[in-house]
């Protein structure tokens, strides 16, 4: 069974996505589109500086990036 979802900001999510090779390809208002050039996976991150991302939104970002909560935590701890 995985860990409880951490409380994270958009900056923390973006840091993890960048470390995995994701690149920012578009932005519409506060929504940034991050895409991985090799896998084609994409994640939409609602960027509001300093605000905690809601759990459901966080889950959708991870699904788009092909990550589990455990993967995210492991990568974040290495940064």
N, C-alpha and C. Protein backbone atom coordinates (compact mmCIF):
# COMPACT_ATOMS: atom_id res chain seq x y z
N UNK A 1 0.84 -1.18 0.00
CA UNK A 1 0.00 0.00 0.00
C UNK A 1 0.89 1.24 0.00
N UNK A 2 0.57 2.23 -0.82
CA UNK A 2 1.38 3.42 -0.98
C UNK A 2 1.21 4.39 0.18
N UNK A 3 2.06 5.40 0.15
CA UNK A 3 2.01 6.43 1.17
C UNK A 3 0.87 7.38 0.91
N UNK A 4 0.50 8.10 1.96
CA UNK A 4 -0.51 9.15 1.84
C UNK A 4 0.05 10.25 0.93
N UNK A 5 -0.83 10.89 0.17
CA UNK A 5 -0.38 11.93 -0.75
C UNK A 5 0.25 13.08 0.02
N UNK A 6 1.44 13.50 -0.40
CA UNK A 6 2.09 14.63 0.27
C UNK A 6 1.44 15.95 -0.13
N UNK A 7 1.62 16.95 0.69
CA UNK A 7 1.15 18.29 0.36
C UNK A 7 2.30 18.99 -0.35
N UNK A 8 2.09 19.30 -1.62
CA UNK A 8 3.16 19.88 -2.44
C UNK A 8 2.68 21.11 -3.18
N UNK A 9 3.63 21.93 -3.59
CA UNK A 9 3.32 23.11 -4.39
C UNK A 9 3.64 22.80 -5.86
N UNK A 10 3.21 23.68 -6.73
CA UNK A 10 3.49 23.52 -8.16
C UNK A 10 5.00 23.56 -8.40
N UNK A 11 5.72 24.38 -7.65
CA UNK A 11 7.18 24.46 -7.82
C UNK A 11 7.84 23.11 -7.56
N UNK A 12 7.38 22.39 -6.53
CA UNK A 12 7.94 21.08 -6.21
C UNK A 12 7.63 20.07 -7.31
N UNK A 13 6.41 20.12 -7.83
CA UNK A 13 6.03 19.21 -8.91
C UNK A 13 6.87 19.48 -10.16
N UNK A 14 7.02 20.75 -10.49
CA UNK A 14 7.79 21.13 -11.67
C UNK A 14 9.25 20.70 -11.53
N UNK A 15 9.81 20.83 -10.34
CA UNK A 15 11.20 20.42 -10.10
C UNK A 15 11.36 18.92 -10.39
N UNK A 16 10.38 18.11 -9.95
CA UNK A 16 10.44 16.67 -10.20
C UNK A 16 10.27 16.39 -11.69
N UNK A 17 9.32 17.05 -12.34
CA UNK A 17 9.10 16.83 -13.77
C UNK A 17 10.36 17.17 -14.57
N UNK A 18 10.99 18.30 -14.26
CA UNK A 18 12.22 18.69 -14.95
C UNK A 18 13.31 17.64 -14.76
N UNK A 19 13.43 17.11 -13.54
CA UNK A 19 14.48 16.12 -13.27
C UNK A 19 14.26 14.84 -14.08
N UNK A 20 13.02 14.59 -14.48
CA UNK A 20 12.70 13.41 -15.28
C UNK A 20 12.80 13.68 -16.78
N UNK A 21 13.10 14.92 -17.16
CA UNK A 21 13.27 15.25 -18.56
C UNK A 21 12.07 15.93 -19.21
N UNK A 22 11.03 16.24 -18.44
CA UNK A 22 9.87 16.93 -18.99
C UNK A 22 10.27 18.36 -19.36
N UNK A 23 9.64 18.88 -20.42
CA UNK A 23 9.90 20.23 -20.89
C UNK A 23 8.58 20.99 -20.96
N UNK A 24 8.63 22.26 -20.59
CA UNK A 24 7.44 23.10 -20.68
C UNK A 24 7.21 23.43 -22.15
N UNK A 25 6.02 23.07 -22.67
CA UNK A 25 5.76 23.28 -24.09
C UNK A 25 4.68 24.32 -24.36
N UNK A 26 3.89 24.66 -23.34
CA UNK A 26 2.81 25.61 -23.56
C UNK A 26 2.31 26.12 -22.22
N UNK A 27 1.66 27.29 -22.26
CA UNK A 27 1.02 27.82 -21.07
C UNK A 27 -0.20 28.62 -21.49
N UNK A 28 -1.29 28.39 -20.78
CA UNK A 28 -2.52 29.15 -21.01
C UNK A 28 -2.98 29.64 -19.64
N UNK A 29 -2.80 30.92 -19.40
CA UNK A 29 -3.11 31.46 -18.08
C UNK A 29 -2.17 30.85 -17.06
N UNK A 30 -2.75 30.25 -16.02
CA UNK A 30 -1.91 29.66 -14.97
C UNK A 30 -1.61 28.19 -15.23
N UNK A 31 -2.13 27.63 -16.31
CA UNK A 31 -1.92 26.21 -16.59
C UNK A 31 -0.74 26.00 -17.53
N UNK A 32 0.25 25.26 -17.03
CA UNK A 32 1.45 24.96 -17.80
C UNK A 32 1.38 23.53 -18.30
N UNK A 33 1.71 23.33 -19.57
CA UNK A 33 1.75 21.99 -20.15
C UNK A 33 3.19 21.53 -20.21
N UNK A 34 3.47 20.39 -19.54
CA UNK A 34 4.80 19.79 -19.52
C UNK A 34 4.73 18.47 -20.27
N UNK A 35 5.69 18.28 -21.18
CA UNK A 35 5.67 17.07 -22.00
C UNK A 35 7.05 16.43 -22.00
N UNK A 36 7.06 15.10 -21.98
CA UNK A 36 8.33 14.37 -22.05
C UNK A 36 8.64 14.09 -23.51
N UNK A 37 9.82 14.50 -24.00
CA UNK A 37 10.12 14.37 -25.43
C UNK A 37 10.25 12.93 -25.93
N UNK A 38 10.59 11.99 -25.07
CA UNK A 38 10.76 10.60 -25.51
C UNK A 38 9.49 9.77 -25.35
N UNK A 39 8.79 9.94 -24.24
CA UNK A 39 7.61 9.11 -23.98
C UNK A 39 6.32 9.73 -24.52
N UNK A 40 6.33 11.04 -24.72
CA UNK A 40 5.12 11.72 -25.17
C UNK A 40 4.12 11.98 -24.06
N UNK A 41 4.43 11.55 -22.84
CA UNK A 41 3.52 11.79 -21.71
C UNK A 41 3.46 13.28 -21.44
N UNK A 42 2.29 13.74 -20.97
CA UNK A 42 2.17 15.15 -20.65
C UNK A 42 1.42 15.34 -19.34
N UNK A 43 1.77 16.42 -18.66
CA UNK A 43 1.14 16.76 -17.40
C UNK A 43 0.79 18.24 -17.43
N UNK A 44 -0.40 18.57 -17.01
CA UNK A 44 -0.84 19.95 -16.92
C UNK A 44 -0.73 20.37 -15.46
N UNK A 45 0.06 21.41 -15.20
CA UNK A 45 0.27 21.88 -13.83
C UNK A 45 -0.34 23.27 -13.68
N UNK A 46 -1.29 23.40 -12.75
CA UNK A 46 -1.87 24.71 -12.44
C UNK A 46 -0.89 25.44 -11.54
N UNK A 47 -0.27 26.48 -12.06
CA UNK A 47 0.79 27.16 -11.32
C UNK A 47 0.25 28.37 -10.57
N UNK A 48 0.24 28.25 -9.25
CA UNK A 48 -0.09 29.36 -8.36
C UNK A 48 0.99 29.36 -7.29
N UNK A 49 1.91 30.27 -7.39
CA UNK A 49 3.11 30.29 -6.56
C UNK A 49 2.79 30.15 -5.07
N UNK A 50 3.40 29.15 -4.45
CA UNK A 50 3.27 28.97 -3.02
C UNK A 50 2.04 28.24 -2.54
N UNK A 51 1.04 28.06 -3.40
CA UNK A 51 -0.18 27.38 -2.99
C UNK A 51 -0.02 25.86 -3.05
N UNK A 52 -0.64 25.18 -2.10
CA UNK A 52 -0.63 23.73 -2.07
C UNK A 52 -1.58 23.21 -3.14
N UNK A 53 -1.12 22.22 -3.91
CA UNK A 53 -1.95 21.61 -4.95
C UNK A 53 -2.96 20.68 -4.29
N UNK A 54 -4.20 20.75 -4.72
CA UNK A 54 -5.25 19.89 -4.16
C UNK A 54 -4.97 18.43 -4.49
N UNK A 55 -5.34 17.51 -3.59
CA UNK A 55 -5.03 16.09 -3.79
C UNK A 55 -5.50 15.51 -5.12
N UNK A 56 -6.70 15.84 -5.55
CA UNK A 56 -7.22 15.30 -6.81
C UNK A 56 -6.41 15.84 -8.00
N UNK A 57 -6.05 17.10 -7.95
CA UNK A 57 -5.24 17.71 -9.00
C UNK A 57 -3.86 17.06 -9.03
N UNK A 58 -3.27 16.86 -7.85
CA UNK A 58 -1.97 16.22 -7.74
C UNK A 58 -2.01 14.82 -8.35
N UNK A 59 -3.06 14.08 -8.07
CA UNK A 59 -3.22 12.72 -8.60
C UNK A 59 -3.27 12.75 -10.13
N UNK A 60 -4.00 13.70 -10.70
CA UNK A 60 -4.10 13.80 -12.17
C UNK A 60 -2.77 14.17 -12.81
N UNK A 61 -2.01 15.02 -12.14
CA UNK A 61 -0.70 15.39 -12.66
C UNK A 61 0.20 14.17 -12.69
N UNK A 62 0.19 13.40 -11.60
CA UNK A 62 1.01 12.19 -11.53
C UNK A 62 0.59 11.18 -12.59
N UNK A 63 -0.71 11.00 -12.79
CA UNK A 63 -1.20 10.06 -13.80
C UNK A 63 -0.71 10.47 -15.19
N UNK A 64 -0.78 11.77 -15.49
CA UNK A 64 -0.32 12.26 -16.78
C UNK A 64 1.17 12.01 -16.99
N UNK A 65 1.93 12.14 -15.90
CA UNK A 65 3.38 11.96 -15.98
C UNK A 65 3.78 10.49 -15.89
N UNK A 66 2.82 9.63 -15.57
CA UNK A 66 3.13 8.20 -15.44
C UNK A 66 3.84 7.85 -14.14
N UNK A 67 3.54 8.58 -13.08
CA UNK A 67 4.18 8.37 -11.79
C UNK A 67 3.19 7.92 -10.73
N UNK A 68 3.70 7.23 -9.72
CA UNK A 68 2.90 6.94 -8.53
C UNK A 68 3.32 7.93 -7.45
N UNK A 69 2.56 7.99 -6.38
CA UNK A 69 2.92 8.86 -5.26
C UNK A 69 4.28 8.44 -4.71
N UNK A 70 4.51 7.14 -4.60
CA UNK A 70 5.79 6.64 -4.09
C UNK A 70 6.94 7.06 -5.00
N UNK A 71 6.74 6.98 -6.33
CA UNK A 71 7.76 7.43 -7.28
C UNK A 71 8.08 8.90 -7.05
N UNK A 72 7.03 9.70 -6.93
CA UNK A 72 7.20 11.14 -6.74
C UNK A 72 8.01 11.44 -5.48
N UNK A 73 7.64 10.80 -4.38
CA UNK A 73 8.33 11.03 -3.11
C UNK A 73 9.80 10.62 -3.22
N UNK A 74 10.05 9.47 -3.83
CA UNK A 74 11.42 8.98 -3.98
C UNK A 74 12.27 9.96 -4.78
N UNK A 75 11.73 10.45 -5.88
CA UNK A 75 12.47 11.38 -6.74
C UNK A 75 12.68 12.70 -6.01
N UNK A 76 11.64 13.19 -5.34
CA UNK A 76 11.73 14.47 -4.63
C UNK A 76 12.79 14.41 -3.54
N UNK A 77 12.92 13.28 -2.87
CA UNK A 77 13.90 13.15 -1.80
C UNK A 77 15.34 13.18 -2.34
N UNK A 78 15.53 12.77 -3.59
CA UNK A 78 16.86 12.76 -4.19
C UNK A 78 17.30 14.15 -4.65
N UNK A 79 16.34 15.05 -4.85
CA UNK A 79 16.67 16.40 -5.35
C UNK A 79 17.18 17.30 -4.25
